[in-house]
N, C-alpha and C. Protein backbone atom coordinates (compact mmCIF):
# COMPACT_ATOMS: atom_id res chain seq x y z
N UNK A 1 4.77 24.87 -11.33
CA UNK A 1 3.39 24.55 -11.01
C UNK A 1 2.51 25.70 -11.51
N UNK A 2 1.56 25.41 -12.35
CA UNK A 2 0.66 26.43 -12.89
C UNK A 2 -0.23 27.00 -11.79
N UNK A 3 -0.65 28.22 -11.98
CA UNK A 3 -1.51 28.87 -10.98
C UNK A 3 -2.78 28.05 -10.77
N UNK A 4 -3.12 27.87 -9.51
CA UNK A 4 -4.34 27.14 -9.18
C UNK A 4 -4.21 25.64 -9.30
N UNK A 5 -3.05 25.17 -9.69
CA UNK A 5 -2.86 23.73 -9.86
C UNK A 5 -2.23 23.13 -8.61
N UNK A 6 -3.07 22.65 -7.71
CA UNK A 6 -2.57 22.07 -6.46
C UNK A 6 -1.98 20.69 -6.71
N UNK A 7 -0.96 20.36 -5.93
CA UNK A 7 -0.36 19.03 -5.97
C UNK A 7 -0.81 18.29 -4.72
N UNK A 8 -0.67 16.96 -4.75
CA UNK A 8 -1.09 16.17 -3.61
C UNK A 8 -0.04 15.13 -3.26
N UNK A 9 0.10 14.91 -1.95
CA UNK A 9 1.08 13.94 -1.47
C UNK A 9 0.47 13.13 -0.33
N UNK A 10 0.70 11.83 -0.38
CA UNK A 10 0.24 10.90 0.65
C UNK A 10 1.47 10.21 1.22
N UNK A 11 1.67 10.35 2.53
CA UNK A 11 2.79 9.69 3.21
C UNK A 11 2.29 8.36 3.75
N UNK A 12 3.06 7.29 3.53
CA UNK A 12 2.60 5.95 3.90
C UNK A 12 3.65 5.18 4.69
N UNK A 13 3.20 4.51 5.76
CA UNK A 13 4.04 3.54 6.47
C UNK A 13 3.18 2.32 6.77
N UNK A 14 3.66 1.44 7.59
CA UNK A 14 2.94 0.19 7.83
C UNK A 14 1.62 0.40 8.55
N UNK A 15 1.63 1.14 9.67
CA UNK A 15 0.41 1.25 10.48
C UNK A 15 -0.20 2.64 10.57
N UNK A 16 0.48 3.66 10.05
CA UNK A 16 -0.02 5.04 10.05
C UNK A 16 -0.21 5.61 11.45
N UNK A 17 0.67 5.19 12.39
CA UNK A 17 0.61 5.78 13.73
C UNK A 17 1.97 6.33 14.18
N UNK A 18 3.04 6.09 13.42
CA UNK A 18 4.37 6.59 13.81
C UNK A 18 4.96 7.46 12.70
N UNK A 19 5.55 6.80 11.70
CA UNK A 19 6.31 7.54 10.69
C UNK A 19 5.47 8.40 9.78
N UNK A 20 4.42 7.85 9.18
CA UNK A 20 3.67 8.65 8.19
C UNK A 20 2.92 9.83 8.81
N UNK A 21 2.33 9.72 10.02
CA UNK A 21 1.72 10.93 10.57
C UNK A 21 2.75 11.99 10.96
N UNK A 22 3.97 11.55 11.33
CA UNK A 22 5.04 12.53 11.60
C UNK A 22 5.38 13.24 10.29
N UNK A 23 5.59 12.47 9.22
CA UNK A 23 5.92 13.07 7.92
C UNK A 23 4.81 14.01 7.45
N UNK A 24 3.57 13.56 7.58
CA UNK A 24 2.43 14.39 7.17
C UNK A 24 2.42 15.71 7.95
N UNK A 25 2.59 15.64 9.25
CA UNK A 25 2.55 16.83 10.11
C UNK A 25 3.70 17.77 9.81
N UNK A 26 4.88 17.22 9.61
CA UNK A 26 6.06 18.02 9.28
C UNK A 26 5.84 18.74 7.94
N UNK A 27 5.38 18.00 6.95
CA UNK A 27 5.17 18.59 5.62
C UNK A 27 4.08 19.67 5.68
N UNK A 28 3.02 19.39 6.42
CA UNK A 28 1.93 20.35 6.56
C UNK A 28 2.45 21.66 7.19
N UNK A 29 3.32 21.54 8.20
CA UNK A 29 3.88 22.73 8.84
C UNK A 29 4.77 23.50 7.87
N UNK A 30 5.61 22.81 7.11
CA UNK A 30 6.46 23.46 6.11
C UNK A 30 5.62 24.21 5.08
N UNK A 31 4.53 23.57 4.64
CA UNK A 31 3.64 24.18 3.65
C UNK A 31 2.95 25.41 4.25
N UNK A 32 2.49 25.28 5.50
CA UNK A 32 1.84 26.41 6.19
C UNK A 32 2.83 27.55 6.39
N UNK A 33 4.02 27.22 6.88
CA UNK A 33 5.04 28.25 7.11
C UNK A 33 5.43 28.95 5.81
N UNK A 34 5.37 28.23 4.71
CA UNK A 34 5.72 28.80 3.41
C UNK A 34 4.54 29.46 2.71
N UNK A 35 3.39 29.49 3.42
CA UNK A 35 2.17 30.09 2.88
C UNK A 35 1.75 29.42 1.56
N UNK A 36 1.83 28.08 1.54
CA UNK A 36 1.55 27.31 0.33
C UNK A 36 0.33 26.39 0.49
N UNK A 37 -0.51 26.67 1.50
CA UNK A 37 -1.63 25.76 1.78
C UNK A 37 -2.53 25.51 0.57
N UNK A 38 -2.70 26.53 -0.27
CA UNK A 38 -3.56 26.38 -1.44
C UNK A 38 -2.89 25.59 -2.56
N UNK A 39 -1.63 25.24 -2.38
CA UNK A 39 -0.88 24.52 -3.42
C UNK A 39 -0.75 23.02 -3.17
N UNK A 40 -1.12 22.58 -1.94
CA UNK A 40 -0.90 21.17 -1.58
C UNK A 40 -2.10 20.55 -0.88
N UNK A 41 -2.41 19.32 -1.26
CA UNK A 41 -3.33 18.47 -0.51
C UNK A 41 -2.44 17.41 0.14
N UNK A 42 -2.55 17.26 1.46
CA UNK A 42 -1.62 16.42 2.22
C UNK A 42 -2.40 15.44 3.08
N UNK A 43 -1.95 14.18 3.10
CA UNK A 43 -2.58 13.18 3.96
C UNK A 43 -1.55 12.09 4.25
N UNK A 44 -1.93 11.15 5.09
CA UNK A 44 -1.09 9.97 5.32
C UNK A 44 -1.99 8.76 5.49
N UNK A 45 -1.39 7.60 5.29
CA UNK A 45 -2.16 6.36 5.38
C UNK A 45 -1.25 5.18 5.68
N UNK A 46 -1.88 4.02 5.82
CA UNK A 46 -1.17 2.79 6.18
C UNK A 46 -1.31 1.75 5.09
N UNK A 47 -0.30 0.90 4.99
CA UNK A 47 -0.39 -0.27 4.12
C UNK A 47 -1.36 -1.27 4.77
N UNK A 48 -1.27 -1.41 6.09
CA UNK A 48 -2.10 -2.39 6.82
C UNK A 48 -3.38 -1.73 7.34
N UNK A 49 -4.28 -2.55 7.86
CA UNK A 49 -5.52 -2.01 8.44
C UNK A 49 -5.52 -2.11 9.97
N UNK A 50 -4.36 -2.36 10.55
CA UNK A 50 -4.25 -2.64 11.99
C UNK A 50 -4.76 -1.52 12.89
N UNK A 51 -4.51 -0.26 12.52
CA UNK A 51 -4.76 0.85 13.43
C UNK A 51 -5.84 1.82 12.95
N UNK A 52 -6.63 1.41 11.97
CA UNK A 52 -7.63 2.30 11.38
C UNK A 52 -8.45 2.98 12.47
N UNK A 53 -8.52 4.31 12.39
CA UNK A 53 -9.32 5.10 13.35
C UNK A 53 -8.58 5.53 14.60
N UNK A 54 -7.36 5.00 14.79
CA UNK A 54 -6.59 5.35 15.99
C UNK A 54 -5.77 6.61 15.80
N UNK A 55 -5.51 7.31 16.89
CA UNK A 55 -4.61 8.46 16.88
C UNK A 55 -3.18 7.97 16.74
N UNK A 56 -2.27 8.85 16.34
CA UNK A 56 -0.86 8.44 16.28
C UNK A 56 -0.35 7.98 17.65
N UNK A 57 0.71 7.19 17.63
CA UNK A 57 1.38 6.70 18.83
C UNK A 57 1.68 7.89 19.74
N UNK A 58 1.51 7.69 21.05
CA UNK A 58 1.74 8.77 22.03
C UNK A 58 3.15 9.35 21.91
N UNK A 59 4.13 8.49 21.58
CA UNK A 59 5.50 8.97 21.44
C UNK A 59 5.66 9.84 20.20
N UNK A 60 4.92 9.53 19.14
CA UNK A 60 4.94 10.36 17.93
C UNK A 60 4.32 11.73 18.25
N UNK A 61 3.20 11.72 18.97
CA UNK A 61 2.53 12.97 19.34
C UNK A 61 3.43 13.82 20.23
N UNK A 62 4.09 13.18 21.18
CA UNK A 62 4.99 13.87 22.09
C UNK A 62 6.16 14.50 21.32
N UNK A 63 6.73 13.76 20.39
CA UNK A 63 7.83 14.25 19.56
C UNK A 63 7.38 15.47 18.75
N UNK A 64 6.22 15.38 18.13
CA UNK A 64 5.69 16.51 17.35
C UNK A 64 5.47 17.73 18.24
N UNK A 65 4.87 17.50 19.42
CA UNK A 65 4.61 18.61 20.36
C UNK A 65 5.91 19.31 20.76
N UNK A 66 6.97 18.52 20.99
CA UNK A 66 8.28 19.06 21.33
C UNK A 66 8.73 20.07 20.27
N UNK A 67 8.35 19.82 19.02
CA UNK A 67 8.74 20.69 17.91
C UNK A 67 7.64 21.70 17.55
N UNK A 68 6.64 21.83 18.43
CA UNK A 68 5.59 22.82 18.22
C UNK A 68 4.62 22.48 17.11
N UNK A 69 4.44 21.17 16.87
CA UNK A 69 3.54 20.73 15.80
C UNK A 69 2.43 19.87 16.39
N UNK A 70 1.19 20.16 16.02
CA UNK A 70 0.05 19.36 16.46
C UNK A 70 -0.52 18.58 15.29
N UNK A 71 -1.35 17.60 15.61
CA UNK A 71 -2.06 16.85 14.56
C UNK A 71 -3.35 16.29 15.12
N UNK A 72 -4.34 16.18 14.27
CA UNK A 72 -5.62 15.54 14.66
C UNK A 72 -5.83 14.29 13.81
N UNK A 73 -4.75 13.83 13.17
CA UNK A 73 -4.84 12.70 12.25
C UNK A 73 -5.36 11.43 12.94
N UNK A 74 -6.18 10.69 12.22
CA UNK A 74 -6.61 9.35 12.63
C UNK A 74 -6.14 8.38 11.55
N UNK A 75 -5.56 7.28 11.98
CA UNK A 75 -5.00 6.30 11.04
C UNK A 75 -6.06 5.80 10.06
N UNK A 76 -5.61 5.62 8.82
CA UNK A 76 -6.47 5.05 7.79
C UNK A 76 -5.63 4.18 6.87
N UNK A 77 -6.29 3.24 6.23
CA UNK A 77 -5.60 2.39 5.27
C UNK A 77 -5.70 3.03 3.88
N UNK A 78 -4.65 2.89 3.08
CA UNK A 78 -4.71 3.43 1.73
C UNK A 78 -5.81 2.72 0.95
N UNK A 79 -6.38 3.44 -0.01
CA UNK A 79 -7.47 2.91 -0.82
C UNK A 79 -7.07 2.93 -2.30
N UNK A 80 -7.86 2.27 -3.10
CA UNK A 80 -7.65 2.28 -4.54
C UNK A 80 -7.68 3.72 -5.06
N UNK A 81 -8.59 4.52 -4.53
CA UNK A 81 -8.72 5.91 -4.96
C UNK A 81 -7.45 6.72 -4.73
N UNK A 82 -6.71 6.39 -3.67
CA UNK A 82 -5.47 7.11 -3.38
C UNK A 82 -4.50 7.03 -4.56
N UNK A 83 -4.44 5.88 -5.20
CA UNK A 83 -3.53 5.68 -6.33
C UNK A 83 -3.97 6.49 -7.55
N UNK A 84 -5.26 6.80 -7.60
CA UNK A 84 -5.82 7.53 -8.73
C UNK A 84 -5.82 9.04 -8.52
N UNK A 85 -5.81 9.48 -7.25
CA UNK A 85 -5.96 10.91 -6.98
C UNK A 85 -4.69 11.60 -6.51
N UNK A 86 -3.80 10.91 -5.82
CA UNK A 86 -2.58 11.56 -5.32
C UNK A 86 -1.51 11.61 -6.40
N UNK A 87 -0.77 12.73 -6.43
CA UNK A 87 0.35 12.87 -7.36
C UNK A 87 1.54 12.06 -6.88
N UNK A 88 1.76 12.08 -5.55
CA UNK A 88 2.90 11.40 -4.95
C UNK A 88 2.43 10.54 -3.78
N UNK A 89 2.96 9.33 -3.71
CA UNK A 89 2.81 8.49 -2.53
C UNK A 89 4.23 8.22 -2.06
N UNK A 90 4.57 8.79 -0.90
CA UNK A 90 5.93 8.68 -0.37
C UNK A 90 5.92 7.76 0.85
N UNK A 91 6.68 6.68 0.77
CA UNK A 91 6.67 5.70 1.85
C UNK A 91 8.02 5.63 2.55
N UNK A 92 8.09 4.83 3.61
CA UNK A 92 9.20 4.90 4.55
C UNK A 92 10.28 3.83 4.38
N UNK A 93 9.92 2.66 3.86
CA UNK A 93 10.93 1.59 3.74
C UNK A 93 10.63 0.68 2.55
N UNK A 94 11.55 -0.24 2.32
CA UNK A 94 11.45 -1.14 1.16
C UNK A 94 10.19 -2.00 1.19
N UNK A 95 9.79 -2.41 2.38
CA UNK A 95 8.59 -3.24 2.52
C UNK A 95 7.35 -2.44 2.11
N UNK A 96 7.25 -1.19 2.57
CA UNK A 96 6.13 -0.32 2.16
C UNK A 96 6.14 -0.16 0.64
N UNK A 97 7.33 0.09 0.09
CA UNK A 97 7.47 0.33 -1.35
C UNK A 97 7.00 -0.89 -2.15
N UNK A 98 7.42 -2.07 -1.73
CA UNK A 98 7.00 -3.32 -2.40
C UNK A 98 5.48 -3.47 -2.34
N UNK A 99 4.91 -3.28 -1.15
CA UNK A 99 3.45 -3.43 -0.99
C UNK A 99 2.69 -2.43 -1.86
N UNK A 100 3.15 -1.18 -1.88
CA UNK A 100 2.48 -0.15 -2.67
C UNK A 100 2.60 -0.41 -4.17
N UNK A 101 3.76 -0.83 -4.61
CA UNK A 101 3.96 -1.13 -6.04
C UNK A 101 3.08 -2.31 -6.45
N UNK A 102 2.99 -3.31 -5.56
CA UNK A 102 2.14 -4.48 -5.84
C UNK A 102 0.68 -4.04 -5.96
N UNK A 103 0.22 -3.25 -4.98
CA UNK A 103 -1.18 -2.78 -5.01
C UNK A 103 -1.44 -1.92 -6.24
N UNK A 104 -0.49 -1.06 -6.58
CA UNK A 104 -0.70 -0.14 -7.71
C UNK A 104 -0.73 -0.88 -9.04
N UNK A 105 -0.06 -2.03 -9.10
CA UNK A 105 -0.02 -2.79 -10.36
C UNK A 105 -1.40 -3.34 -10.74
N UNK A 106 -2.33 -3.37 -9.77
CA UNK A 106 -3.68 -3.86 -10.03
C UNK A 106 -4.65 -2.71 -10.32
N UNK A 107 -4.12 -1.49 -10.39
CA UNK A 107 -4.98 -0.33 -10.56
C UNK A 107 -4.74 0.31 -11.91
N UNK A 108 -5.80 0.34 -12.69
CA UNK A 108 -5.72 0.93 -14.02
C UNK A 108 -5.62 2.44 -13.87
N UNK A 109 -4.77 3.06 -14.66
CA UNK A 109 -4.58 4.52 -14.64
C UNK A 109 -4.03 5.04 -13.32
N UNK A 110 -3.15 4.29 -12.71
CA UNK A 110 -2.51 4.75 -11.47
C UNK A 110 -1.78 6.05 -11.78
N UNK A 111 -2.14 7.11 -11.07
CA UNK A 111 -1.56 8.44 -11.30
C UNK A 111 -0.35 8.68 -10.41
N UNK A 112 -0.36 8.10 -9.23
CA UNK A 112 0.62 8.40 -8.19
C UNK A 112 2.03 7.96 -8.56
N UNK A 113 2.99 8.81 -8.27
CA UNK A 113 4.40 8.46 -8.36
C UNK A 113 4.75 7.91 -6.98
N UNK A 114 5.14 6.63 -6.92
CA UNK A 114 5.40 5.96 -5.65
C UNK A 114 6.91 5.91 -5.42
N UNK A 115 7.33 6.53 -4.31
CA UNK A 115 8.76 6.63 -4.02
C UNK A 115 9.01 6.50 -2.52
N UNK A 116 10.27 6.26 -2.18
CA UNK A 116 10.69 6.32 -0.78
C UNK A 116 10.86 7.79 -0.40
N UNK A 117 10.29 8.20 0.71
CA UNK A 117 10.50 9.56 1.19
C UNK A 117 12.00 9.81 1.37
N UNK A 118 12.72 8.80 1.82
CA UNK A 118 14.15 8.91 2.05
C UNK A 118 14.96 9.18 0.79
N UNK A 119 14.36 8.98 -0.39
CA UNK A 119 15.08 9.27 -1.63
C UNK A 119 15.34 10.77 -1.78
N UNK A 120 14.68 11.58 -0.96
CA UNK A 120 14.90 13.03 -0.97
C UNK A 120 15.86 13.50 0.11
N UNK A 121 16.37 12.57 0.91
CA UNK A 121 17.22 12.94 2.04
C UNK A 121 18.58 13.45 1.57
N UNK A 122 18.92 14.72 1.89
CA UNK A 122 20.24 15.23 1.51
C UNK A 122 21.38 14.46 2.19
N UNK A 123 21.08 13.75 3.29
CA UNK A 123 22.10 12.94 3.96
C UNK A 123 22.09 11.48 3.47
N UNK A 124 21.29 11.23 2.46
CA UNK A 124 21.24 9.91 1.81
C UNK A 124 20.87 8.75 2.73
N UNK A 125 20.04 9.02 3.73
CA UNK A 125 19.51 7.92 4.55
C UNK A 125 18.19 7.50 3.91
N UNK A 126 18.27 6.49 3.08
CA UNK A 126 17.15 6.09 2.24
C UNK A 126 15.96 5.55 3.05
N UNK A 127 16.24 4.80 4.09
CA UNK A 127 15.18 4.13 4.85
C UNK A 127 14.88 4.89 6.15
N UNK A 128 13.60 5.12 6.39
CA UNK A 128 13.17 5.70 7.66
C UNK A 128 12.63 4.53 8.48
N UNK A 129 13.44 4.10 9.44
CA UNK A 129 13.14 2.90 10.23
C UNK A 129 11.93 3.11 11.14
N UNK A 130 11.17 2.05 11.32
CA UNK A 130 10.00 2.09 12.19
C UNK A 130 10.44 2.22 13.65
N UNK A 131 10.02 3.29 14.34
CA UNK A 131 10.46 3.49 15.73
C UNK A 131 9.55 2.82 16.76
N UNK A 132 8.52 2.09 16.29
CA UNK A 132 7.49 1.57 17.18
C UNK A 132 8.05 0.78 18.37
N UNK A 133 9.04 -0.06 18.10
CA UNK A 133 9.62 -0.87 19.19
C UNK A 133 10.83 -0.20 19.82
N UNK A 134 11.06 1.06 19.45
CA UNK A 134 12.20 1.79 19.96
C UNK A 134 11.83 2.72 21.11
N UNK A 135 12.62 3.79 21.24
CA UNK A 135 12.40 4.73 22.33
C UNK A 135 12.19 6.15 21.77
N UNK A 136 12.11 7.12 22.68
CA UNK A 136 11.87 8.51 22.26
C UNK A 136 12.93 9.01 21.29
N UNK A 137 14.16 8.57 21.50
CA UNK A 137 15.25 8.96 20.62
C UNK A 137 15.02 8.50 19.18
N UNK A 138 14.45 7.30 19.04
CA UNK A 138 14.14 6.77 17.71
C UNK A 138 13.07 7.62 17.01
N UNK A 139 12.10 8.11 17.78
CA UNK A 139 11.07 8.98 17.21
C UNK A 139 11.68 10.31 16.79
N UNK A 140 12.63 10.81 17.57
CA UNK A 140 13.33 12.05 17.23
C UNK A 140 14.12 11.86 15.93
N UNK A 141 14.75 10.70 15.76
CA UNK A 141 15.48 10.39 14.53
C UNK A 141 14.53 10.41 13.34
N UNK A 142 13.36 9.80 13.49
CA UNK A 142 12.35 9.79 12.43
C UNK A 142 11.94 11.23 12.10
N UNK A 143 11.71 12.03 13.14
CA UNK A 143 11.31 13.43 12.94
C UNK A 143 12.37 14.17 12.11
N UNK A 144 13.64 14.03 12.52
CA UNK A 144 14.73 14.73 11.82
C UNK A 144 14.83 14.28 10.36
N UNK A 145 14.71 12.96 10.13
CA UNK A 145 14.75 12.45 8.76
C UNK A 145 13.59 13.01 7.94
N UNK A 146 12.39 12.98 8.51
CA UNK A 146 11.20 13.48 7.82
C UNK A 146 11.35 14.96 7.50
N UNK A 147 11.89 15.72 8.45
CA UNK A 147 12.09 17.15 8.24
C UNK A 147 13.03 17.40 7.06
N UNK A 148 14.17 16.72 7.04
CA UNK A 148 15.13 16.89 5.93
C UNK A 148 14.50 16.50 4.60
N UNK A 149 13.84 15.35 4.59
CA UNK A 149 13.27 14.82 3.34
C UNK A 149 12.12 15.70 2.85
N UNK A 150 11.26 16.12 3.76
CA UNK A 150 10.10 16.94 3.38
C UNK A 150 10.54 18.30 2.85
N UNK A 151 11.57 18.89 3.47
CA UNK A 151 12.11 20.17 2.98
C UNK A 151 12.62 19.99 1.55
N UNK A 152 13.41 18.96 1.34
CA UNK A 152 14.00 18.71 0.01
C UNK A 152 12.90 18.40 -1.02
N UNK A 153 11.89 17.63 -0.63
CA UNK A 153 10.79 17.31 -1.53
C UNK A 153 10.01 18.58 -1.90
N UNK A 154 9.74 19.41 -0.91
CA UNK A 154 8.98 20.65 -1.15
C UNK A 154 9.75 21.61 -2.06
N UNK A 155 11.07 21.62 -1.93
CA UNK A 155 11.89 22.55 -2.71
C UNK A 155 12.08 22.13 -4.16
N UNK A 156 11.83 20.86 -4.45
CA UNK A 156 12.04 20.42 -5.84
C UNK A 156 10.88 20.89 -6.72
N UNK A 157 11.12 21.08 -8.02
CA UNK A 157 10.03 21.50 -8.90
C UNK A 157 9.01 20.37 -9.05
N UNK A 158 7.73 20.73 -9.04
CA UNK A 158 6.68 19.70 -9.16
C UNK A 158 5.87 19.91 -10.41
């Protein structure tokens, strides 16, 4: 990465209240801990518009707090501009990937590389399952997956 050349990443899930805000918060902490804040622009968003303006799920917030991570994120839906401005759009499952690829196919000069966040998992768990209908343990699983994937993503050359 050339000096002064910041990279950008957008984490995406269905509603932007569980998985993607956890991934965003985890990545932001890794970047902060590594003193790389000036190298990354980080955000998260949703494929759907269901939760626009809402805070993350209380269980997601609780899980992050357990790990000493806070967030002030409010859910938002991805926009056409996101495909033009972000270097990476990392999503959580096959359904997100299909929706994002479909949306990006209608955007001229799409800059974003659209991938599954799980493609960076050293344990090869490709899909990060939606914990919304699950329990606290499911949110912890999402956190652990996001942590592994975000570390591996951050360590790769960009």
